[in-house]
Amino acid sequence: MKTKAILLCIVVLFGITAVFAQQSKFETIKIKTSGQCSKCKERIEKALVFEKGIKSADYDVETAVVTVKYNSTKTTSEKIKIVITKCGYDADEMKADDAAYQKLPSCCKKPDDPNHQKH
């Protein structure tokens, strides 16, 4: 009977340790983007959540900041920023991919762009 109790305790401790170890792999990063509207929000979040290692992405239109929760053993902040730039948006110090930016709707272009139009 004592052996079963000890074995059960070991299994429970191992399970708890595994859960905490997995949670500690996740990091959160906030990235300033050049997004302008809800279309930008949809485009950025969709691109990010389909990337390997990203658990969640939430873009705040008011602040133009995307908050990303990711597994640091599967991706990096640099790779996350590259995904954003390939959507046509700046990501902190990284500039938007030119070809992707040109494909954005006029409401999603930067305010100083002559082709920018408000909603």
PDB file of N, CA and C in Angstrom:
ATOM      1  N   MET A   1       0.821  -1.189   0.000  1.00  0.00           N
ATOM      2  CA  MET A   1       0.000   0.000   0.000  1.00  0.00           C
ATOM      3  C   MET A   1       0.869   1.259   0.000  1.00  0.00           C
ATOM      4  N   LYS A   2       1.955   1.263   0.795  1.00  0.00           N
ATOM      5  CA  LYS A   2       2.843   2.423   0.833  1.00  0.00           C
ATOM      6  C   LYS A   2       3.495   2.645  -0.526  1.00  0.00           C
ATOM      7  N   THR A   3       3.804   1.567  -1.221  1.00  0.00           N
ATOM      8  CA  THR A   3       4.444   1.671  -2.527  1.00  0.00           C
ATOM      9  C   THR A   3       3.521   2.384  -3.515  1.00  0.00           C
ATOM     10  N   LYS A   4       2.232   2.038  -3.486  1.00  0.00           N
ATOM     11  CA  LYS A   4       1.277   2.695  -4.379  1.00  0.00           C
ATOM     12  C   LYS A   4       1.161   4.181  -4.058  1.00  0.00           C
ATOM     13  N   ALA A   5       1.144   4.510  -2.777  1.00  0.00           N
ATOM     14  CA  ALA A   5       1.033   5.910  -2.362  1.00  0.00           C
ATOM     15  C   ALA A   5       2.258   6.697  -2.804  1.00  0.00           C
ATOM     16  N   ILE A   6       3.429   6.116  -2.638  1.00  0.00           N
ATOM     17  CA  ILE A   6       4.670   6.781  -3.053  1.00  0.00           C
ATOM     18  C   ILE A   6       4.692   6.948  -4.564  1.00  0.00           C
ATOM     19  N   LEU A   7       4.295   5.908  -5.268  1.00  0.00           N
ATOM     20  CA  LEU A   7       4.258   5.965  -6.732  1.00  0.00           C
ATOM     21  C   LEU A   7       3.270   7.030  -7.218  1.00  0.00           C
ATOM     22  N   LEU A   8       2.134   7.115  -6.576  1.00  0.00           N
ATOM     23  CA  LEU A   8       1.139   8.120  -6.919  1.00  0.00           C
ATOM     24  C   LEU A   8       1.680   9.533  -6.690  1.00  0.00           C
ATOM     25  N   CYS A   9       2.358   9.736  -5.576  1.00  0.00           N
ATOM     26  CA  CYS A   9       2.965  11.043  -5.282  1.00  0.00           C
ATOM     27  C   CYS A   9       4.005  11.422  -6.333  1.00  0.00           C
ATOM     28  N   ILE A  10       4.804  10.473  -6.738  1.00  0.00           N
ATOM     29  CA  ILE A  10       5.832  10.722  -7.756  1.00  0.00           C
ATOM     30  C   ILE A  10       5.176  11.119  -9.079  1.00  0.00           C
ATOM     31  N   VAL A  11       4.127  10.401  -9.453  1.00  0.00           N
ATOM     32  CA  VAL A  11       3.433  10.700 -10.703  1.00  0.00           C
ATOM     33  C   VAL A  11       2.809  12.100 -10.654  1.00  0.00           C
ATOM     34  N   VAL A  12       2.182  12.442  -9.542  1.00  0.00           N
ATOM     35  CA  VAL A  12       1.566  13.755  -9.387  1.00  0.00           C
ATOM     36  C   VAL A  12       2.623  14.851  -9.444  1.00  0.00           C
ATOM     37  N   LEU A  13       3.724  14.674  -8.738  1.00  0.00           N
ATOM     38  CA  LEU A  13       4.803  15.667  -8.751  1.00  0.00           C
ATOM     39  C   LEU A  13       5.395  15.827 -10.142  1.00  0.00           C
ATOM     40  N   PHE A  14       5.561  14.727 -10.836  1.00  0.00           N
ATOM     41  CA  PHE A  14       6.097  14.778 -12.198  1.00  0.00           C
ATOM     42  C   PHE A  14       5.143  15.554 -13.101  1.00  0.00           C
ATOM     43  N   GLY A  15       3.848  15.316 -12.974  1.00  0.00           N
ATOM     44  CA  GLY A  15       2.848  16.023 -13.774  1.00  0.00           C
ATOM     45  C   GLY A  15       2.860  17.510 -13.514  1.00  0.00           C
ATOM     46  N   ILE A  16       2.917  17.889 -12.248  1.00  0.00           N
ATOM     47  CA  ILE A  16       2.954  19.307 -11.884  1.00  0.00           C
ATOM     48  C   ILE A  16       4.217  19.960 -12.425  1.00  0.00           C
ATOM     49  N   THR A  17       5.336  19.298 -12.304  1.00  0.00           N
ATOM     50  CA  THR A  17       6.604  19.814 -12.808  1.00  0.00           C
ATOM     51  C   THR A  17       6.549  20.002 -14.321  1.00  0.00           C
ATOM     52  N   ALA A  18       5.955  19.041 -15.019  1.00  0.00           N
ATOM     53  CA  ALA A  18       5.862  19.132 -16.482  1.00  0.00           C
ATOM     54  C   ALA A  18       5.003  20.323 -16.896  1.00  0.00           C
ATOM     55  N   VAL A  19       3.907  20.563 -16.186  1.00  0.00           N
ATOM     56  CA  VAL A  19       3.036  21.689 -16.505  1.00  0.00           C
ATOM     57  C   VAL A  19       3.771  23.011 -16.304  1.00  0.00           C
ATOM     58  N   PHE A  20       4.467  23.159 -15.183  1.00  0.00           N
ATOM     59  CA  PHE A  20       5.208  24.404 -14.928  1.00  0.00           C
ATOM     60  C   PHE A  20       6.355  24.583 -15.909  1.00  0.00           C
ATOM     61  N   ALA A  21       7.006  23.505 -16.267  1.00  0.00           N
ATOM     62  CA  ALA A  21       8.116  23.595 -17.223  1.00  0.00           C
ATOM     63  C   ALA A  21       7.603  24.053 -18.579  1.00  0.00           C
ATOM     64  N   GLN A  22       6.435  23.544 -18.995  1.00  0.00           N
ATOM     65  CA  GLN A  22       5.880  23.931 -20.278  1.00  0.00           C
ATOM     66  C   GLN A  22       5.437  25.390 -20.259  1.00  0.00           C
ATOM     67  N   GLN A  23       4.838  25.845 -19.179  1.00  0.00           N
ATOM     68  CA  GLN A  23       4.397  27.229 -19.089  1.00  0.00           C
ATOM     69  C   GLN A  23       5.570  28.193 -19.108  1.00  0.00           C
ATOM     70  N   SER A  24       6.687  27.801 -18.549  1.00  0.00           N
ATOM     71  CA  SER A  24       7.832  28.710 -18.492  1.00  0.00           C
ATOM     72  C   SER A  24       8.473  28.931 -19.857  1.00  0.00           C
ATOM     73  N   LYS A  25       8.143  28.096 -20.852  1.00  0.00           N
ATOM     74  CA  LYS A  25       8.674  28.278 -22.198  1.00  0.00           C
ATOM     75  C   LYS A  25       8.013  29.453 -22.905  1.00  0.00           C
ATOM     76  N   PHE A  26       6.844  29.865 -22.422  1.00  0.00           N
ATOM     77  CA  PHE A  26       6.116  30.934 -23.084  1.00  0.00           C
ATOM     78  C   PHE A  26       6.603  32.303 -22.627  1.00  0.00           C
ATOM     79  N   GLU A  27       6.768  33.168 -23.604  1.00  0.00           N
ATOM     80  CA  GLU A  27       7.151  34.548 -23.351  1.00  0.00           C
ATOM     81  C   GLU A  27       6.132  35.453 -24.030  1.00  0.00           C
ATOM     82  N   THR A  28       6.090  36.683 -23.594  1.00  0.00           N
ATOM     83  CA  THR A  28       5.197  37.662 -24.201  1.00  0.00           C
ATOM     84  C   THR A  28       6.026  38.840 -24.691  1.00  0.00           C
ATOM     85  N   ILE A  29       5.697  39.287 -25.892  1.00  0.00           N
ATOM     86  CA  ILE A  29       6.394  40.422 -26.477  1.00  0.00           C
ATOM     87  C   ILE A  29       5.355  41.422 -26.988  1.00  0.00           C
ATOM     88  N   LYS A  30       5.661  42.704 -26.881  1.00  0.00           N
ATOM     89  CA  LYS A  30       4.819  43.772 -27.419  1.00  0.00           C
ATOM     90  C   LYS A  30       5.594  44.432 -28.549  1.00  0.00           C
ATOM     91  N   ILE A  31       4.953  44.522 -29.702  1.00  0.00           N
ATOM     92  CA  ILE A  31       5.609  45.060 -30.893  1.00  0.00           C
ATOM     93  C   ILE A  31       4.782  46.219 -31.445  1.00  0.00           C
ATOM     94  N   LYS A  32       5.422  47.353 -31.630  1.00  0.00           N
ATOM     95  CA  LYS A  32       4.779  48.531 -32.236  1.00  0.00           C
ATOM     96  C   LYS A  32       4.722  48.315 -33.743  1.00  0.00           C
ATOM     97  N   THR A  33       3.534  48.487 -34.321  1.00  0.00           N
ATOM     98  CA  THR A  33       3.370  48.291 -35.757  1.00  0.00           C
ATOM     99  C   THR A  33       2.872  49.570 -36.417  1.00  0.00           C
ATOM    100  N   SER A  34       2.727  49.510 -37.727  1.00  0.00           N
ATOM    101  CA  SER A  34       2.211  50.655 -38.469  1.00  0.00           C
ATOM    102  C   SER A  34       0.759  50.434 -38.893  1.00  0.00           C
ATOM    103  N   GLY A  35       0.085  49.474 -38.275  1.00  0.00           N
ATOM    104  CA  GLY A  35      -1.314  49.194 -38.591  1.00  0.00           C
ATOM    105  C   GLY A  35      -2.212  50.377 -38.266  1.00  0.00           C
ATOM    106  N   GLN A  36      -3.335  50.482 -38.982  1.00  0.00           N
ATOM    107  CA  GLN A  36      -4.211  51.648 -38.866  1.00  0.00           C
ATOM    108  C   GLN A  36      -5.640  51.337 -38.421  1.00  0.00           C
ATOM    109  N   CYS A  37      -6.144  50.143 -38.719  1.00  0.00           N
ATOM    110  CA  CYS A  37      -7.579  49.915 -38.534  1.00  0.00           C
ATOM    111  C   CYS A  37      -7.886  48.458 -38.192  1.00  0.00           C
ATOM    112  N   SER A  38      -9.178  48.155 -38.153  1.00  0.00           N
ATOM    113  CA  SER A  38      -9.599  46.794 -37.810  1.00  0.00           C
ATOM    114  C   SER A  38      -9.195  45.784 -38.890  1.00  0.00           C
ATOM    115  N   LYS A  39      -9.079  46.222 -40.134  1.00  0.00           N
ATOM    116  CA  LYS A  39      -8.591  45.323 -41.190  1.00  0.00           C
ATOM    117  C   LYS A  39      -7.136  44.938 -40.914  1.00  0.00           C
ATOM    118  N   CYS A  40      -6.360  45.903 -40.456  1.00  0.00           N
ATOM    119  CA  CYS A  40      -4.967  45.644 -40.094  1.00  0.00           C
ATOM    120  C   CYS A  40      -4.914  44.639 -38.942  1.00  0.00           C
ATOM    121  N   LYS A  41      -5.765  44.853 -37.957  1.00  0.00           N
ATOM    122  CA  LYS A  41      -5.840  43.961 -36.799  1.00  0.00           C
ATOM    123  C   LYS A  41      -6.073  42.530 -37.260  1.00  0.00           C
ATOM    124  N   GLU A  42      -7.082  42.363 -38.098  1.00  0.00           N
ATOM    125  CA  GLU A  42      -7.434  41.025 -38.594  1.00  0.00           C
ATOM    126  C   GLU A  42      -6.266  40.390 -39.352  1.00  0.00           C
ATOM    127  N   ARG A  43      -5.641  41.169 -40.221  1.00  0.00           N
ATOM    128  CA  ARG A  43      -4.551  40.665 -41.060  1.00  0.00           C
ATOM    129  C   ARG A  43      -3.337  40.253 -40.205  1.00  0.00           C
ATOM    130  N   ILE A  44      -2.969  41.104 -39.257  1.00  0.00           N
ATOM    131  CA  ILE A  44      -1.795  40.837 -38.413  1.00  0.00           C
ATOM    132  C   ILE A  44      -2.035  39.638 -37.504  1.00  0.00           C
ATOM    133  N   GLU A  45      -3.170  39.624 -36.820  1.00  0.00           N
ATOM    134  CA  GLU A  45      -3.464  38.515 -35.903  1.00  0.00           C
ATOM    135  C   GLU A  45      -3.552  37.187 -36.640  1.00  0.00           C
ATOM    136  N   LYS A  46      -4.197  37.182 -37.796  1.00  0.00           N
ATOM    137  CA  LYS A  46      -4.335  35.945 -38.565  1.00  0.00           C
ATOM    138  C   LYS A  46      -2.971  35.399 -38.990  1.00  0.00           C
ATOM    139  N   ALA A  47      -2.120  36.277 -39.472  1.00  0.00           N
ATOM    140  CA  ALA A  47      -0.784  35.841 -39.907  1.00  0.00           C
ATOM    141  C   ALA A  47       0.010  35.261 -38.738  1.00  0.00           C
ATOM    142  N   LEU A  48      -0.102  35.893 -37.581  1.00  0.00           N
ATOM    143  CA  LEU A  48       0.684  35.450 -36.427  1.00  0.00           C
ATOM    144  C   LEU A  48       0.200  34.134 -35.836  1.00  0.00           C
ATOM    145  N   VAL A  49      -1.105  33.954 -35.696  1.00  0.00           N
ATOM    146  CA  VAL A  49      -1.581  32.738 -35.027  1.00  0.00           C
ATOM    147  C   VAL A  49      -1.341  31.476 -35.847  1.00  0.00           C
ATOM    148  N   PHE A  50      -1.077  31.626 -37.132  1.00  0.00           N
ATOM    149  CA  PHE A  50      -0.769  30.460 -37.950  1.00  0.00           C
ATOM    150  C   PHE A  50       0.728  30.123 -37.972  1.00  0.00           C
ATOM    151  N   GLU A  51       1.523  30.916 -37.297  1.00  0.00           N
ATOM    152  CA  GLU A  51       2.968  30.663 -37.234  1.00  0.00           C
ATOM    153  C   GLU A  51       3.291  29.669 -36.125  1.00  0.00           C
ATOM    154  N   LYS A  52       4.222  28.799 -36.406  1.00  0.00           N
ATOM    155  CA  LYS A  52       4.647  27.793 -35.433  1.00  0.00           C
ATOM    156  C   LYS A  52       5.203  28.475 -34.175  1.00  0.00           C
ATOM    157  N   GLY A  53       4.723  28.026 -33.026  1.00  0.00           N
ATOM    158  CA  GLY A  53       5.238  28.509 -31.752  1.00  0.00           C
ATOM    159  C   GLY A  53       4.464  29.673 -31.163  1.00  0.00           C
ATOM    160  N   ILE A  54       3.546  30.253 -31.916  1.00  0.00           N
ATOM    161  CA  ILE A  54       2.776  31.385 -31.398  1.00  0.00           C
ATOM    162  C   ILE A  54       1.470  30.877 -30.811  1.00  0.00           C
ATOM    163  N   LYS A  55       1.273  31.203 -29.541  1.00  0.00           N
ATOM    164  CA  LYS A  55       0.071  30.758 -28.847  1.00  0.00           C
ATOM    165  C   LYS A  55      -1.084  31.738 -29.049  1.00  0.00           C
ATOM    166  N   SER A  56      -0.807  33.036 -28.991  1.00  0.00           N
ATOM    167  CA  SER A  56      -1.862  34.031 -29.180  1.00  0.00           C
ATOM    168  C   SER A  56      -1.269  35.345 -29.658  1.00  0.00           C
ATOM    169  N   ALA A  57      -2.126  36.131 -30.314  1.00  0.00           N
ATOM    170  CA  ALA A  57      -1.739  37.460 -30.785  1.00  0.00           C
ATOM    171  C   ALA A  57      -2.946  38.374 -30.631  1.00  0.00           C
ATOM    172  N   ASP A  58      -2.723  39.535 -30.044  1.00  0.00           N
ATOM    173  CA  ASP A  58      -3.797  40.497 -29.850  1.00  0.00           C
ATOM    174  C   ASP A  58      -3.305  41.883 -30.257  1.00  0.00           C
ATOM    175  N   TYR A  59      -3.928  42.429 -31.287  1.00  0.00           N
ATOM    176  CA  TYR A  59      -3.536  43.735 -31.808  1.00  0.00           C
ATOM    177  C   TYR A  59      -4.478  44.806 -31.268  1.00  0.00           C
ATOM    178  N   ASP A  60      -3.921  45.831 -30.658  1.00  0.00           N
ATOM    179  CA  ASP A  60      -4.696  46.959 -30.149  1.00  0.00           C
ATOM    180  C   ASP A  60      -4.624  48.089 -31.170  1.00  0.00           C
ATOM    181  N   VAL A  61      -5.734  48.349 -31.829  1.00  0.00           N
ATOM    182  CA  VAL A  61      -5.778  49.360 -32.892  1.00  0.00           C
ATOM    183  C   VAL A  61      -5.435  50.751 -32.358  1.00  0.00           C
ATOM    184  N   GLU A  62      -5.903  51.065 -31.164  1.00  0.00           N
ATOM    185  CA  GLU A  62      -5.677  52.404 -30.584  1.00  0.00           C
ATOM    186  C   GLU A  62      -4.192  52.714 -30.382  1.00  0.00           C
ATOM    187  N   THR A  63      -3.441  51.728 -29.908  1.00  0.00           N
ATOM    188  CA  THR A  63      -2.017  51.950 -29.629  1.00  0.00           C
ATOM    189  C   THR A  63      -1.109  51.452 -30.751  1.00  0.00           C
ATOM    190  N   ALA A  64      -1.678  50.698 -31.689  1.00  0.00           N
ATOM    191  CA  ALA A  64      -0.918  50.073 -32.783  1.00  0.00           C
ATOM    192  C   ALA A  64       0.155  49.124 -32.250  1.00  0.00           C
ATOM    193  N   VAL A  65      -0.165  48.446 -31.151  1.00  0.00           N
ATOM    194  CA  VAL A  65       0.762  47.500 -30.540  1.00  0.00           C
ATOM    195  C   VAL A  65       0.136  46.104 -30.570  1.00  0.00           C
ATOM    196  N   VAL A  66       0.905  45.140 -31.022  1.00  0.00           N
ATOM    197  CA  VAL A  66       0.457  43.753 -31.004  1.00  0.00           C
ATOM    198  C   VAL A  66       1.175  43.037 -29.859  1.00  0.00           C
ATOM    199  N   THR A  67       0.404  42.324 -29.052  1.00  0.00           N
ATOM    200  CA  THR A  67       0.954  41.546 -27.942  1.00  0.00           C
ATOM    201  C   THR A  67       0.918  40.091 -28.354  1.00  0.00           C
ATOM    202  N   VAL A  68       2.080  39.452 -28.337  1.00  0.00           N
ATOM    203  CA  VAL A  68       2.198  38.075 -28.807  1.00  0.00           C
ATOM    204  C   VAL A  68       2.728  37.190 -27.685  1.00  0.00           C
ATOM    205  N   LYS A  69       2.018  36.092 -27.447  1.00  0.00           N
ATOM    206  CA  LYS A  69       2.482  35.083 -26.498  1.00  0.00           C
ATOM    207  C   LYS A  69       3.013  33.933 -27.345  1.00  0.00           C
ATOM    208  N   TYR A  70       4.271  33.549 -27.101  1.00  0.00           N
ATOM    209  CA  TYR A  70       4.898  32.543 -27.953  1.00  0.00           C
ATOM    210  C   TYR A  70       5.801  31.607 -27.158  1.00  0.00           C
ATOM    211  N   ASN A  71       6.049  30.440 -27.747  1.00  0.00           N
ATOM    212  CA  ASN A  71       6.927  29.447 -27.160  1.00  0.00           C
ATOM    213  C   ASN A  71       8.349  29.767 -27.619  1.00  0.00           C
ATOM    214  N   SER A  72       9.177  30.166 -26.691  1.00  0.00           N
ATOM    215  CA  SER A  72      10.531  30.616 -27.032  1.00  0.00           C
ATOM    216  C   SER A  72      11.448  29.485 -27.493  1.00  0.00           C
ATOM    217  N   THR A  73      11.008  28.245 -27.363  1.00  0.00           N
ATOM    218  CA  THR A  73      11.816  27.134 -27.885  1.00  0.00           C
ATOM    219  C   THR A  73      11.470  26.842 -29.341  1.00  0.00           C
ATOM    220  N   LYS A  74      10.380  27.469 -29.847  1.00  0.00           N
ATOM    221  CA  LYS A  74       9.948  27.192 -31.218  1.00  0.00           C
ATOM    222  C   LYS A  74      10.062  28.392 -32.156  1.00  0.00           C
ATOM    223  N   THR A  75      10.125  29.600 -31.603  1.00  0.00           N
ATOM    224  CA  THR A  75      10.257  30.797 -32.443  1.00  0.00           C
ATOM    225  C   THR A  75      10.962  31.894 -31.654  1.00  0.00           C
ATOM    226  N   THR A  76      11.248  32.984 -32.325  1.00  0.00           N
ATOM    227  CA  THR A  76      11.955  34.100 -31.682  1.00  0.00           C
ATOM    228  C   THR A  76      11.212  35.407 -31.956  1.00  0.00           C
ATOM    229  N   SER A  77      11.550  36.426 -31.210  1.00  0.00           N
ATOM    230  CA  SER A  77      10.931  37.734 -31.436  1.00  0.00           C
ATOM    231  C   SER A  77      11.289  38.254 -32.834  1.00  0.00           C
ATOM    232  N   GLU A  78      12.471  37.958 -33.297  1.00  0.00           N
ATOM    233  CA  GLU A  78      12.901  38.365 -34.643  1.00  0.00           C
ATOM    234  C   GLU A  78      12.007  37.725 -35.707  1.00  0.00           C
ATOM    235  N   LYS A  79      11.726  36.439 -35.585  1.00  0.00           N
ATOM    236  CA  LYS A  79      10.867  35.752 -36.560  1.00  0.00           C
ATOM    237  C   LYS A  79       9.449  36.301 -36.526  1.00  0.00           C
ATOM    238  N   ILE A  80       8.983  36.652 -35.343  1.00  0.00           N
ATOM    239  CA  ILE A  80       7.647  37.221 -35.206  1.00  0.00           C
ATOM    240  C   ILE A  80       7.572  38.565 -35.923  1.00  0.00           C
ATOM    241  N   LYS A  81       8.591  39.373 -35.757  1.00  0.00           N
ATOM    242  CA  LYS A  81       8.630  40.680 -36.436  1.00  0.00           C
ATOM    243  C   LYS A  81       8.679  40.507 -37.951  1.00  0.00           C
ATOM    244  N   ILE A  82       9.379  39.507 -38.421  1.00  0.00           N
ATOM    245  CA  ILE A  82       9.461  39.244 -39.859  1.00  0.00           C
ATOM    246  C   ILE A  82       8.089  38.890 -40.417  1.00  0.00           C
ATOM    247  N   VAL A  83       7.312  38.111 -39.668  1.00  0.00           N
ATOM    248  CA  VAL A  83       5.946  37.772 -40.100  1.00  0.00           C
ATOM    249  C   VAL A  83       5.130  39.055 -40.285  1.00  0.00           C
ATOM    250  N   ILE A  84       5.254  39.963 -39.340  1.00  0.00           N
ATOM    251  CA  ILE A  84       4.503  41.231 -39.414  1.00  0.00           C
ATOM    252  C   ILE A  84       4.947  42.050 -40.623  1.00  0.00           C
ATOM    253  N   THR A  85       6.250  42.122 -40.868  1.00  0.00           N
ATOM    254  CA  THR A  85       6.745  42.908 -42.010  1.00  0.00           C
ATOM    255  C   THR A  85       6.300  42.298 -43.334  1.00  0.00           C
ATOM    256  N   LYS A  86       6.186  40.976 -43.385  1.00  0.00           N
ATOM    257  CA  LYS A  86       5.735  40.309 -44.611  1.00  0.00           C
ATOM    258  C   LYS A  86       4.248  40.522 -44.861  1.00  0.00           C
ATOM    259  N   CYS A  87       3.526  41.017 -43.853  1.00  0.00           N
ATOM    260  CA  CYS A  87       2.109  41.390 -44.026  1.00  0.00           C
ATOM    261  C   CYS A  87       1.990  42.809 -44.567  1.00  0.00           C
ATOM    262  N   GLY A  88       3.100  43.545 -44.571  1.00  0.00           N
ATOM    263  CA  GLY A  88       3.083  44.912 -45.082  1.00  0.00           C
ATOM    264  C   GLY A  88       3.161  45.984 -44.014  1.00  0.00           C
ATOM    265  N   TYR A  89       3.496  45.592 -42.776  1.00  0.00           N
ATOM    266  CA  TYR A  89       3.531  46.543 -41.666  1.00  0.00           C
ATOM    267  C   TYR A  89       4.926  46.622 -41.055  1.00  0.00           C
ATOM    268  N   ASP A  90       5.266  47.800 -40.529  1.00  0.00           N
ATOM    269  CA  ASP A  90       6.491  47.942 -39.752  1.00  0.00           C
ATOM    270  C   ASP A  90       6.317  47.150 -38.458  1.00  0.00           C
ATOM    271  N   ALA A  91       7.426  46.664 -37.922  1.00  0.00           N
ATOM    272  CA  ALA A  91       7.421  45.945 -36.655  1.00  0.00           C
ATOM    273  C   ALA A  91       8.604  46.449 -35.844  1.00  0.00           C
ATOM    274  N   ASP A  92       8.331  47.351 -34.907  1.00  0.00           N
ATOM    275  CA  ASP A  92       9.384  48.036 -34.159  1.00  0.00           C
ATOM    276  C   ASP A  92      10.357  48.670 -35.140  1.00  0.00           C
ATOM    277  N   GLU A  93      11.619  48.274 -35.066  1.00  0.00           N
ATOM    278  CA  GLU A  93      12.641  48.890 -35.922  1.00  0.00           C
ATOM    279  C   GLU A  93      12.685  48.306 -37.335  1.00  0.00           C
ATOM    280  N   MET A  94      11.978  47.214 -37.585  1.00  0.00           N
ATOM    281  CA  MET A  94      11.985  46.565 -38.904  1.00  0.00           C
ATOM    282  C   MET A  94      10.929  47.210 -39.805  1.00  0.00           C
ATOM    283  N   LYS A  95      11.343  47.550 -41.017  1.00  0.00           N
ATOM    284  CA  LYS A  95      10.433  48.180 -41.977  1.00  0.00           C
ATOM    285  C   LYS A  95       9.593  47.126 -42.712  1.00  0.00           C
ATOM    286  N   ALA A  96       8.408  47.540 -43.121  1.00  0.00           N
ATOM    287  CA  ALA A  96       7.493  46.666 -43.852  1.00  0.00           C
ATOM    288  C   ALA A  96       8.097  46.221 -45.176  1.00  0.00           C
ATOM    289  N   ASP A  97       7.767  45.009 -45.580  1.00  0.00           N
ATOM    290  CA  ASP A  97       8.149  44.504 -46.888  1.00  0.00           C
ATOM    291  C   ASP A  97       7.457  45.385 -47.934  1.00  0.00           C
ATOM    292  N   ASP A  98       8.234  45.938 -48.847  1.00  0.00           N
ATOM    293  CA  ASP A  98       7.697  46.891 -49.834  1.00  0.00           C
ATOM    294  C   ASP A  98       6.559  46.310 -50.671  1.00  0.00           C
ATOM    295  N   ALA A  99       6.764  45.113 -51.202  1.00  0.00           N
ATOM    296  CA  ALA A  99       5.744  44.503 -52.068  1.00  0.00           C
ATOM    297  C   ALA A  99       4.456  44.250 -51.284  1.00  0.00           C
ATOM    298  N   ALA A 100       4.567  43.784 -50.057  1.00  0.00           N
ATOM    299  CA  ALA A 100       3.387  43.523 -49.225  1.00  0.00           C
ATOM    300  C   ALA A 100       2.688  44.835 -48.866  1.00  0.00           C
ATOM    301  N   TYR A 101       3.460  45.871 -48.567  1.00  0.00           N
ATOM    302  CA  TYR A 101       2.880  47.173 -48.229  1.00  0.00           C
ATOM    303  C   TYR A 101       2.063  47.721 -49.394  1.00  0.00           C
ATOM    304  N   GLN A 102       2.575  47.606 -50.599  1.00  0.00           N
ATOM    305  CA  GLN A 102       1.883  48.132 -51.782  1.00  0.00           C
ATOM    306  C   GLN A 102       0.546  47.440 -52.007  1.00  0.00           C
ATOM    307  N   LYS A 103       0.401  46.207 -51.540  1.00  0.00           N
ATOM    308  CA  LYS A 103      -0.843  45.448 -51.720  1.00  0.00           C
ATOM    309  C   LYS A 103      -1.904  45.784 -50.665  1.00  0.00           C
ATOM    310  N   LEU A 104      -1.528  46.527 -49.622  1.00  0.00           N
ATOM    311  CA  LEU A 104      -2.494  46.867 -48.575  1.00  0.00           C
ATOM    312  C   LEU A 104      -3.580  47.790 -49.107  1.00  0.00           C
ATOM    313  N   PRO A 105      -4.800  47.674 -48.555  1.00  0.00           N
ATOM    314  CA  PRO A 105      -5.851  48.634 -48.922  1.00  0.00           C
ATOM    315  C   PRO A 105      -5.435  50.047 -48.510  1.00  0.00           C
ATOM    316  N   SER A 106      -6.006  51.055 -49.128  1.00  0.00           N
ATOM    317  CA  SER A 106      -5.598  52.439 -48.855  1.00  0.00           C
ATOM    318  C   SER A 106      -5.811  52.838 -47.400  1.00  0.00           C
ATOM    319  N   CYS A 107      -6.804  52.270 -46.730  1.00  0.00           N
ATOM    320  CA  CYS A 107      -7.038  52.620 -45.325  1.00  0.00           C
ATOM    321  C   CYS A 107      -5.966  52.036 -44.407  1.00  0.00           C
ATOM    322  N   CYS A 108      -5.228  51.055 -44.893  1.00  0.00           N
ATOM    323  CA  CYS A 108      -4.196  50.396 -44.080  1.00  0.00           C
ATOM    324  C   CYS A 108      -2.806  50.981 -44.306  1.00  0.00           C
ATOM    325  N   LYS A 109      -2.690  51.889 -45.247  1.00  0.00           N
ATOM    326  CA  LYS A 109      -1.398  52.517 -45.503  1.00  0.00           C
ATOM    327  C   LYS A 109      -1.086  53.540 -44.417  1.00  0.00           C
ATOM    328  N   LYS A 110       0.183  53.897 -44.283  1.00  0.00           N
ATOM    329  CA  LYS A 110       0.615  54.854 -43.268  1.00  0.00           C
ATOM    330  C   LYS A 110      -0.006  56.223 -43.535  1.00  0.00           C
ATOM    331  N   PRO A 111      -0.332  56.967 -42.483  1.00  0.00           N
ATOM    332  CA  PRO A 111      -0.981  58.276 -42.654  1.00  0.00           C
ATOM    333  C   PRO A 111      -0.190  59.263 -43.519  1.00  0.00           C
ATOM    334  N   ASP A 112       1.134  59.152 -43.540  1.00  0.00           N
ATOM    335  CA  ASP A 112       1.930  60.077 -44.351  1.00  0.00           C
ATOM    336  C   ASP A 112       2.051  59.629 -45.812  1.00  0.00           C
ATOM    337  N   ASP A 113       1.465  58.478 -46.153  1.00  0.00           N
ATOM    338  CA  ASP A 113       1.465  57.978 -47.523  1.00  0.00           C
ATOM    339  C   ASP A 113       0.375  58.725 -48.305  1.00  0.00           C
ATOM    340  N   PRO A 114       0.709  59.283 -49.497  1.00  0.00           N
ATOM    341  CA  PRO A 114      -0.293  59.999 -50.287  1.00  0.00           C
ATOM    342  C   PRO A 114      -1.498  59.128 -50.676  1.00  0.00           C
ATOM    343  N   ASN A 115      -1.327  57.806 -50.670  1.00  0.00           N
ATOM    344  CA  ASN A 115      -2.405  56.892 -51.031  1.00  0.00           C
ATOM    345  C   ASN A 115      -3.281  56.491 -49.846  1.00  0.00           C
ATOM    346  N   HIS A 116      -2.945  56.993 -48.661  1.00  0.00           N
ATOM    347  CA  HIS A 116      -3.729  56.658 -47.471  1.00  0.00           C
ATOM    348  C   HIS A 116      -5.092  57.345 -47.508  1.00  0.00           C
ATOM    349  N   GLN A 117      -6.129  56.571 -47.200  1.00  0.00           N
ATOM    350  CA  GLN A 117      -7.469  57.122 -47.085  1.00  0.00           C
ATOM    351  C   GLN A 117      -8.080  56.638 -45.791  1.00  0.00           C
ATOM    352  N   LYS A 118      -8.693  57.549 -45.060  1.00  0.00           N
ATOM    353  CA  LYS A 118      -9.366  57.178 -43.826  1.00  0.00           C
ATOM    354  C   LYS A 118     -10.669  56.472 -44.154  1.00  0.00           C
ATOM    355  N   HIS A 119     -11.174  55.742 -43.176  1.00  0.00           N
ATOM    356  CA  HIS A 119     -12.467  55.051 -43.349  1.00  0.00           C
ATOM    357  C   HIS A 119     -13.576  56.035 -43.471  1.00  0.00           C
TER     358      HIS A 119
END
